[in-house]
Structures are given as C-alpha cells and as structure tokens.
C-alpha cells in the first residue's frame, strides 16, 4: 500500500480525501484508483525508495483541450498553495480566443531537472500527438 509521507502538521488538510480515517486519507493507491476509475483521469505517480516525489494529473477535458490547441504549451508553478508545501505546476495551452486553459497539473516534492523531466514525460505519454 502506498502512503503519502509528507510530514503533515496536526491541523493541516490532506490532498487525498476528507475521510475520517487517517490511513484512508493517506492512501495514495486508493486516490489514484478513484481518479482513474470514477473520473477517467490520467494519473501517474513518481516515487523514489517508496516515497512520493511527484504526482501527474490530467482529466479528459484537459486532454481534449490540448488536442484542440497543441501549438503552444506554457508551464507555471505556484508555491505554498497547499499546506503540504508541494509546488503545484500547471501546463497550459492558449485557445483560439487567446485565453489560457489548463491541460495538466502536477505536484513535485522537489524541483529538480529529473523530477520535471519525469512529469513532462508523463504528459508526453498521455498526449502522443
């Protein structure tokens, strides 16, 4: 069973679920299953030595948006958005009206070349066009 090992503080919210059980809130495998089965999303998890290093997420709407507007891809990161302190990365495209649209989201434990490359590879694998 995979568990998030992120050093949650006593009052912090969990990104996985709002269930009452601490173990089920931290059950990454169950979260991935729910996102893929119930919502049809593409979810990939990167780990090193059984510790979570990053999570990639793309739902059908995001994938369809990128398929419609693949010419330019932007990347942006937001810091300290979540209480777990993971940077949240957004991959965006520009639609026909010049508006940016989110085409993928990923969280990284550490910002380094290997982690970013891993998430970009996940994106390329799910969007071969």
Protein backbone atom coordinates (compact mmCIF):
# COMPACT_ATOMS: atom_id res chain seq x y z
CA UNK A 1 0.00 0.00 0.00
CA UNK A 2 1.32 3.48 -0.91
CA UNK A 3 1.11 6.24 1.68
CA UNK A 4 1.91 9.90 1.44
CA UNK A 5 4.93 10.65 3.57
CA UNK A 6 4.89 14.42 3.59
CA UNK A 7 5.09 15.41 7.24
CA UNK A 8 1.58 16.74 7.73
CA UNK A 9 1.14 19.02 10.70
CA UNK A 10 -1.63 18.31 13.20
CA UNK A 11 -4.22 20.68 11.72
CA UNK A 12 -3.35 20.50 8.03
CA UNK A 13 -5.74 19.32 5.34
CA UNK A 14 -4.95 16.29 3.23
CA UNK A 15 -4.93 16.50 -0.56
CA UNK A 16 -6.19 12.96 -0.98
CA UNK A 17 -9.61 12.89 0.70
CA UNK A 18 -11.68 14.17 3.58
CA UNK A 19 -12.47 10.82 5.15
CA UNK A 20 -12.26 10.43 8.92
CA UNK A 21 -9.63 7.71 8.90
CA UNK A 22 -6.05 8.92 8.81
CA UNK A 23 -4.91 5.79 6.98
CA UNK A 24 -7.53 6.13 4.24
CA UNK A 25 -6.77 9.85 3.78
CA UNK A 26 -3.16 8.98 3.10
CA UNK A 27 -3.89 6.02 0.84
CA UNK A 28 -2.39 7.20 -2.43
CA UNK A 29 -3.26 3.98 -4.25
CA UNK A 30 -6.98 4.43 -3.41
CA UNK A 31 -6.86 8.07 -4.50
CA UNK A 32 -5.31 7.17 -7.86
CA UNK A 33 -7.87 4.40 -8.36
CA UNK A 34 -10.75 6.77 -7.63
CA UNK A 35 -9.42 9.44 -10.01
CA UNK A 36 -8.86 6.96 -12.82
CA UNK A 37 -11.97 4.77 -12.36
CA UNK A 38 -14.58 7.30 -11.32
CA UNK A 39 -13.34 10.38 -13.17
CA UNK A 40 -11.47 8.81 -16.11
CA UNK A 41 -8.36 10.84 -15.38
CA UNK A 42 -4.79 10.03 -16.26
CA UNK A 43 -2.79 9.87 -13.03
CA UNK A 44 0.86 8.94 -12.72
CA UNK A 45 2.86 8.78 -9.53
CA UNK A 46 6.62 9.15 -9.34
CA UNK A 47 8.36 7.70 -6.33
CA UNK A 48 11.84 7.02 -5.16
CA UNK A 49 12.60 4.47 -2.46
CA UNK A 50 8.84 4.14 -1.77
CA UNK A 51 8.49 7.86 -1.05
CA UNK A 52 6.26 10.06 -3.19
CA UNK A 53 8.26 12.51 -5.31
CA UNK A 54 5.55 13.72 -7.70
CA UNK A 55 2.03 13.25 -8.99
CA UNK A 56 0.73 13.96 -12.50
CA UNK A 57 -2.99 14.58 -13.22
CA UNK A 58 -4.92 15.13 -16.46
CA UNK A 59 -8.64 14.62 -16.97
CA UNK A 60 -10.44 14.12 -20.29
CA UNK A 61 -11.37 17.78 -20.66
CA UNK A 62 -7.74 18.82 -20.21
CA UNK A 63 -6.58 16.23 -22.73
CA UNK A 64 -9.22 17.33 -25.27
CA UNK A 65 -8.23 20.98 -24.82
CA UNK A 66 -4.59 20.20 -25.56
CA UNK A 67 -5.61 18.12 -28.59
CA UNK A 68 -7.56 21.12 -29.91
CA UNK A 69 -4.77 23.68 -29.27
CA UNK A 70 -1.37 21.95 -29.28
CA UNK A 71 0.68 24.75 -30.88
CA UNK A 72 2.00 26.37 -27.68
CA UNK A 73 2.48 24.86 -24.25
CA UNK A 74 3.18 27.02 -21.19
CA UNK A 75 4.29 25.96 -17.74
CA UNK A 76 3.71 27.82 -14.49
CA UNK A 77 4.25 26.97 -10.85
CA UNK A 78 2.55 28.17 -7.70
CA UNK A 79 4.31 27.87 -4.39
CA UNK A 80 2.92 27.35 -0.89
CA UNK A 81 -0.57 26.92 -2.28
CA UNK A 82 -1.12 23.71 -0.35
CA UNK A 83 -0.32 23.15 3.29
CA UNK A 84 1.88 20.21 2.35
CA UNK A 85 4.23 22.71 0.61
CA UNK A 86 4.40 20.88 -2.73
CA UNK A 87 4.82 23.28 -5.66
CA UNK A 88 1.77 22.99 -7.94
CA UNK A 89 2.66 23.06 -11.64
CA UNK A 90 0.20 23.88 -14.38
CA UNK A 91 0.69 23.08 -18.04
CA UNK A 92 -1.39 25.45 -20.13
CA UNK A 93 -2.26 25.99 -23.76
CA UNK A 94 -3.77 29.03 -25.46
CA UNK A 95 -7.20 28.66 -27.08
CA UNK A 96 -8.49 30.48 -30.18
CA UNK A 97 -9.58 33.47 -28.07
CA UNK A 98 -6.14 33.92 -26.52
CA UNK A 99 -7.28 32.51 -23.17
CA UNK A 100 -5.05 30.09 -21.27
CA UNK A 101 -6.50 26.67 -20.50
CA UNK A 102 -5.09 24.13 -18.05
CA UNK A 103 -4.08 20.92 -19.83
CA UNK A 104 -2.31 19.12 -16.95
CA UNK A 105 -1.43 19.56 -13.28
CA UNK A 106 1.40 18.07 -11.30
CA UNK A 107 2.83 18.29 -7.82
CA UNK A 108 6.52 17.85 -7.06
CA UNK A 109 8.20 17.23 -3.75
CA UNK A 110 11.44 18.72 -5.06
CA UNK A 111 12.09 20.97 -8.00
CA UNK A 112 14.94 19.49 -9.94
CA UNK A 113 15.65 18.56 -13.53
CA UNK A 114 14.91 14.86 -13.04
CA UNK A 115 11.51 15.48 -11.41
CA UNK A 116 10.43 17.99 -14.06
CA UNK A 117 11.60 15.68 -16.84
CA UNK A 118 9.60 12.83 -15.31
CA UNK A 119 6.38 14.88 -15.26
CA UNK A 120 6.91 16.14 -18.82
CA UNK A 121 7.45 12.51 -19.89
CA UNK A 122 4.15 11.56 -18.23
CA UNK A 123 2.47 14.36 -20.19
CA UNK A 124 4.04 13.24 -23.47
CA UNK A 125 3.00 9.63 -22.83
CA UNK A 126 -0.64 10.66 -22.35
CA UNK A 127 -0.59 13.11 -25.28
CA UNK A 128 1.36 11.45 -28.10
CA UNK A 129 0.11 13.88 -30.74
